[in-house]
């Protein structure tokens, strides 16, 4: 019974994360300002990382957790680099 609940919960989590990724991709494409696109990119990499974590829980493979860690580090580094280049992340 608990395995069934876990399977349904993980499936629902994946569906909601894919929906969130679609909405953030729409925000990136639509704009209207650069700040909206920057926040959309941050939300997109975060949702992608969480989707990989949920997929890793579903399959039980530790490889997905390492991939999610790499995505998280690259997203953080991109935000820090943007801060160092412009002096602020959101203008």
N, C-alpha and C. Protein backbone atom coordinates (compact mmCIF):
# COMPACT_ATOMS: atom_id res chain seq x y z
N UNK A 1 0.82 -1.20 0.00
CA UNK A 1 0.00 0.00 0.00
C UNK A 1 0.86 1.26 0.00
N UNK A 2 1.91 1.28 0.85
CA UNK A 2 2.75 2.48 0.91
C UNK A 2 3.55 2.66 -0.37
N UNK A 3 3.90 1.57 -1.04
CA UNK A 3 4.62 1.68 -2.32
C UNK A 3 3.72 2.31 -3.38
N UNK A 4 2.45 1.99 -3.32
CA UNK A 4 1.50 2.57 -4.27
C UNK A 4 1.33 4.08 -4.02
N UNK A 5 1.25 4.46 -2.76
CA UNK A 5 1.13 5.88 -2.42
C UNK A 5 2.39 6.62 -2.84
N UNK A 6 3.55 6.02 -2.63
CA UNK A 6 4.81 6.64 -3.04
C UNK A 6 4.87 6.80 -4.55
N UNK A 7 4.45 5.79 -5.29
CA UNK A 7 4.46 5.87 -6.75
C UNK A 7 3.53 6.97 -7.25
N UNK A 8 2.34 7.05 -6.68
CA UNK A 8 1.40 8.11 -7.08
C UNK A 8 1.92 9.50 -6.70
N UNK A 9 2.51 9.60 -5.52
CA UNK A 9 3.04 10.89 -5.07
C UNK A 9 4.20 11.36 -5.95
N UNK A 10 5.08 10.43 -6.31
CA UNK A 10 6.20 10.80 -7.18
C UNK A 10 5.72 11.17 -8.57
N UNK A 11 4.72 10.46 -9.07
CA UNK A 11 4.15 10.80 -10.38
C UNK A 11 3.50 12.17 -10.38
N UNK A 12 2.78 12.46 -9.31
CA UNK A 12 2.14 13.78 -9.18
C UNK A 12 3.19 14.88 -9.05
N UNK A 13 4.26 14.60 -8.30
CA UNK A 13 5.34 15.58 -8.16
C UNK A 13 6.00 15.85 -9.51
N UNK A 14 6.23 14.80 -10.29
CA UNK A 14 6.83 14.99 -11.61
C UNK A 14 5.91 15.80 -12.52
N UNK A 15 4.62 15.52 -12.47
CA UNK A 15 3.67 16.26 -13.29
C UNK A 15 3.65 17.74 -12.92
N UNK A 16 3.67 18.03 -11.63
CA UNK A 16 3.65 19.43 -11.19
C UNK A 16 4.96 20.14 -11.53
N UNK A 17 6.08 19.43 -11.44
CA UNK A 17 7.36 20.06 -11.80
C UNK A 17 7.45 20.33 -13.29
N UNK A 18 6.93 19.44 -14.11
CA UNK A 18 6.91 19.68 -15.56
C UNK A 18 6.01 20.87 -15.88
N UNK A 19 4.89 20.98 -15.19
CA UNK A 19 4.00 22.13 -15.38
C UNK A 19 4.70 23.43 -14.97
N UNK A 20 5.41 23.39 -13.85
CA UNK A 20 6.15 24.58 -13.40
C UNK A 20 7.25 24.95 -14.40
N UNK A 21 7.90 23.94 -14.98
CA UNK A 21 8.93 24.23 -15.98
C UNK A 21 8.32 24.86 -17.23
N UNK A 22 7.16 24.39 -17.63
CA UNK A 22 6.49 24.98 -18.79
C UNK A 22 6.10 26.43 -18.53
N UNK A 23 5.61 26.70 -17.32
CA UNK A 23 5.22 28.08 -16.99
C UNK A 23 6.44 29.00 -16.90
N UNK A 24 7.55 28.51 -16.38
CA UNK A 24 8.74 29.35 -16.32
C UNK A 24 9.34 29.55 -17.71
N UNK A 25 9.24 28.54 -18.57
CA UNK A 25 9.70 28.72 -19.96
C UNK A 25 8.84 29.77 -20.66
N UNK A 26 7.55 29.78 -20.36
CA UNK A 26 6.67 30.81 -20.92
C UNK A 26 7.06 32.18 -20.41
N UNK A 27 7.43 32.28 -19.13
CA UNK A 27 7.85 33.56 -18.55
C UNK A 27 9.15 34.03 -19.19
N UNK A 28 10.06 33.11 -19.48
CA UNK A 28 11.32 33.48 -20.13
C UNK A 28 11.07 33.99 -21.53
N UNK A 29 10.21 33.32 -22.25
CA UNK A 29 9.93 33.73 -23.64
C UNK A 29 9.12 35.01 -23.70
N UNK A 30 8.20 35.17 -22.77
CA UNK A 30 7.28 36.31 -22.81
C UNK A 30 7.89 37.59 -22.26
N UNK A 31 8.70 37.49 -21.24
CA UNK A 31 9.33 38.69 -20.68
C UNK A 31 8.46 39.37 -19.64
N UNK A 32 8.19 40.61 -19.72
CA UNK A 32 8.62 41.63 -20.68
C UNK A 32 9.96 42.28 -20.34
N UNK A 33 10.46 42.09 -19.12
CA UNK A 33 11.71 42.74 -18.73
C UNK A 33 12.80 41.70 -18.54
N UNK A 34 14.03 42.18 -18.47
CA UNK A 34 15.17 41.28 -18.27
C UNK A 34 15.10 40.62 -16.90
N UNK A 35 14.58 41.32 -15.91
CA UNK A 35 14.47 40.76 -14.57
C UNK A 35 13.55 39.54 -14.57
N UNK A 36 12.47 39.60 -15.35
CA UNK A 36 11.57 38.46 -15.44
C UNK A 36 12.27 37.26 -16.06
N UNK A 37 13.08 37.51 -17.06
CA UNK A 37 13.81 36.41 -17.71
C UNK A 37 14.86 35.81 -16.78
N UNK A 38 15.53 36.64 -16.00
CA UNK A 38 16.53 36.14 -15.06
C UNK A 38 15.89 35.28 -13.99
N UNK A 39 14.80 35.75 -13.42
CA UNK A 39 14.09 34.96 -12.41
C UNK A 39 13.53 33.68 -13.02
N UNK A 40 13.08 33.76 -14.27
CA UNK A 40 12.59 32.57 -14.96
C UNK A 40 13.68 31.53 -15.15
N UNK A 41 14.88 31.98 -15.50
CA UNK A 41 15.99 31.04 -15.68
C UNK A 41 16.37 30.40 -14.35
N UNK A 42 16.39 31.18 -13.28
CA UNK A 42 16.69 30.62 -11.96
C UNK A 42 15.64 29.58 -11.56
N UNK A 43 14.38 29.90 -11.79
CA UNK A 43 13.32 28.96 -11.45
C UNK A 43 13.37 27.72 -12.35
N UNK A 44 13.77 27.90 -13.61
CA UNK A 44 13.84 26.77 -14.52
C UNK A 44 14.92 25.78 -14.12
N UNK A 45 16.11 26.28 -13.75
CA UNK A 45 17.15 25.32 -13.36
C UNK A 45 16.79 24.67 -12.02
N UNK A 46 16.12 25.39 -11.15
CA UNK A 46 15.72 24.80 -9.88
C UNK A 46 14.68 23.70 -10.09
N UNK A 47 13.71 23.95 -10.97
CA UNK A 47 12.70 22.93 -11.26
C UNK A 47 13.31 21.73 -11.96
N UNK A 48 14.27 21.96 -12.85
CA UNK A 48 14.94 20.84 -13.52
C UNK A 48 15.71 20.00 -12.51
N UNK A 49 16.37 20.67 -11.58
CA UNK A 49 17.11 19.95 -10.55
C UNK A 49 16.16 19.10 -9.70
N UNK A 50 15.04 19.66 -9.30
CA UNK A 50 14.08 18.92 -8.49
C UNK A 50 13.44 17.77 -9.26
N UNK A 51 13.23 17.97 -10.56
CA UNK A 51 12.68 16.89 -11.37
C UNK A 51 13.65 15.72 -11.44
N UNK A 52 14.92 16.01 -11.55
CA UNK A 52 15.92 14.95 -11.57
C UNK A 52 16.00 14.25 -10.22
N UNK A 53 15.85 14.99 -9.13
CA UNK A 53 15.86 14.38 -7.80
C UNK A 53 14.66 13.43 -7.64
N UNK A 54 13.49 13.87 -8.08
CA UNK A 54 12.30 13.02 -7.98
C UNK A 54 12.47 11.77 -8.85
N UNK A 55 13.05 11.94 -10.02
CA UNK A 55 13.30 10.79 -10.89
C UNK A 55 14.30 9.84 -10.23
N UNK A 56 15.30 10.39 -9.55
CA UNK A 56 16.25 9.56 -8.82
C UNK A 56 15.61 8.79 -7.69
N UNK A 57 14.66 9.41 -7.00
CA UNK A 57 13.94 8.71 -5.94
C UNK A 57 13.12 7.57 -6.54
N UNK A 58 12.51 7.85 -7.68
CA UNK A 58 11.67 6.83 -8.33
C UNK A 58 12.49 5.63 -8.78
N UNK A 59 13.66 5.88 -9.36
CA UNK A 59 14.47 4.77 -9.87
C UNK A 59 15.39 4.18 -8.82
N UNK A 60 15.74 4.94 -7.80
CA UNK A 60 16.64 4.46 -6.77
C UNK A 60 18.11 4.51 -7.17
N UNK A 61 18.43 5.21 -8.22
CA UNK A 61 19.81 5.30 -8.69
C UNK A 61 20.49 6.55 -8.13
N UNK A 62 21.67 6.42 -7.53
CA UNK A 62 22.36 7.60 -6.98
C UNK A 62 22.95 8.52 -8.05
N UNK A 63 23.01 8.06 -9.28
CA UNK A 63 23.57 8.86 -10.36
C UNK A 63 22.74 10.13 -10.60
N UNK A 64 21.44 10.04 -10.45
CA UNK A 64 20.58 11.20 -10.66
C UNK A 64 20.79 12.27 -9.60
N UNK A 65 21.12 11.85 -8.39
CA UNK A 65 21.37 12.82 -7.32
C UNK A 65 22.66 13.61 -7.60
N UNK A 66 23.65 12.93 -8.16
CA UNK A 66 24.88 13.63 -8.53
C UNK A 66 24.64 14.61 -9.67
N UNK A 67 23.81 14.22 -10.63
CA UNK A 67 23.48 15.13 -11.73
C UNK A 67 22.72 16.35 -11.21
N UNK A 68 21.83 16.15 -10.26
CA UNK A 68 21.09 17.27 -9.68
C UNK A 68 22.03 18.19 -8.90
N UNK A 69 23.01 17.62 -8.24
CA UNK A 69 23.98 18.43 -7.51
C UNK A 69 24.79 19.29 -8.48
N UNK A 70 25.18 18.73 -9.60
CA UNK A 70 25.93 19.49 -10.61
C UNK A 70 25.07 20.61 -11.18
N UNK A 71 23.81 20.33 -11.46
CA UNK A 71 22.92 21.39 -11.98
C UNK A 71 22.76 22.50 -10.95
N UNK A 72 22.62 22.14 -9.69
CA UNK A 72 22.50 23.15 -8.63
C UNK A 72 23.74 24.01 -8.51
N UNK A 73 24.91 23.39 -8.60
CA UNK A 73 26.16 24.15 -8.50
C UNK A 73 26.34 25.07 -9.70
N UNK A 74 26.00 24.60 -10.89
CA UNK A 74 26.13 25.44 -12.08
C UNK A 74 25.15 26.61 -12.04
N UNK A 75 23.94 26.37 -11.58
CA UNK A 75 22.97 27.46 -11.47
C UNK A 75 23.40 28.50 -10.46
N UNK A 76 23.93 28.04 -9.33
CA UNK A 76 24.42 28.97 -8.31
C UNK A 76 25.61 29.77 -8.86
N UNK A 77 26.51 29.10 -9.56
CA UNK A 77 27.67 29.79 -10.12
C UNK A 77 27.25 30.83 -11.16
N UNK A 78 26.23 30.52 -11.94
CA UNK A 78 25.75 31.48 -12.93
C UNK A 78 25.15 32.71 -12.25
N UNK A 79 24.42 32.51 -11.16
CA UNK A 79 23.85 33.64 -10.44
C UNK A 79 24.94 34.48 -9.80
N UNK A 80 25.95 33.85 -9.22
CA UNK A 80 27.06 34.59 -8.61
C UNK A 80 27.85 35.33 -9.68
N UNK A 81 28.09 34.71 -10.82
CA UNK A 81 28.82 35.38 -11.90
C UNK A 81 28.05 36.60 -12.40
N UNK A 82 26.74 36.47 -12.48
CA UNK A 82 25.93 37.61 -12.91
C UNK A 82 26.02 38.73 -11.87
N UNK A 83 26.04 38.38 -10.60
CA UNK A 83 26.17 39.37 -9.55
C UNK A 83 27.52 40.08 -9.64
N UNK A 84 28.59 39.33 -9.89
CA UNK A 84 29.92 39.91 -9.97
C UNK A 84 30.08 40.80 -11.21
N UNK A 85 29.42 40.45 -12.29
CA UNK A 85 29.54 41.23 -13.52
C UNK A 85 28.74 42.52 -13.47
N UNK A 86 27.55 42.47 -12.90
CA UNK A 86 26.66 43.64 -12.92
C UNK A 86 26.63 44.39 -11.59
N UNK A 87 27.03 43.75 -10.52
CA UNK A 87 26.96 44.39 -9.23
C UNK A 87 25.67 44.10 -8.49
N UNK A 88 24.66 43.60 -9.19
CA UNK A 88 23.42 43.19 -8.56
C UNK A 88 22.76 42.18 -9.47
N UNK A 89 22.00 41.27 -8.87
CA UNK A 89 21.37 40.22 -9.64
C UNK A 89 20.10 40.76 -10.31
N UNK A 90 19.29 41.44 -9.57
CA UNK A 90 18.06 42.02 -10.11
C UNK A 90 18.22 43.53 -10.08
N UNK A 91 18.11 44.11 -11.25
CA UNK A 91 18.31 45.57 -11.36
C UNK A 91 17.08 46.32 -10.90
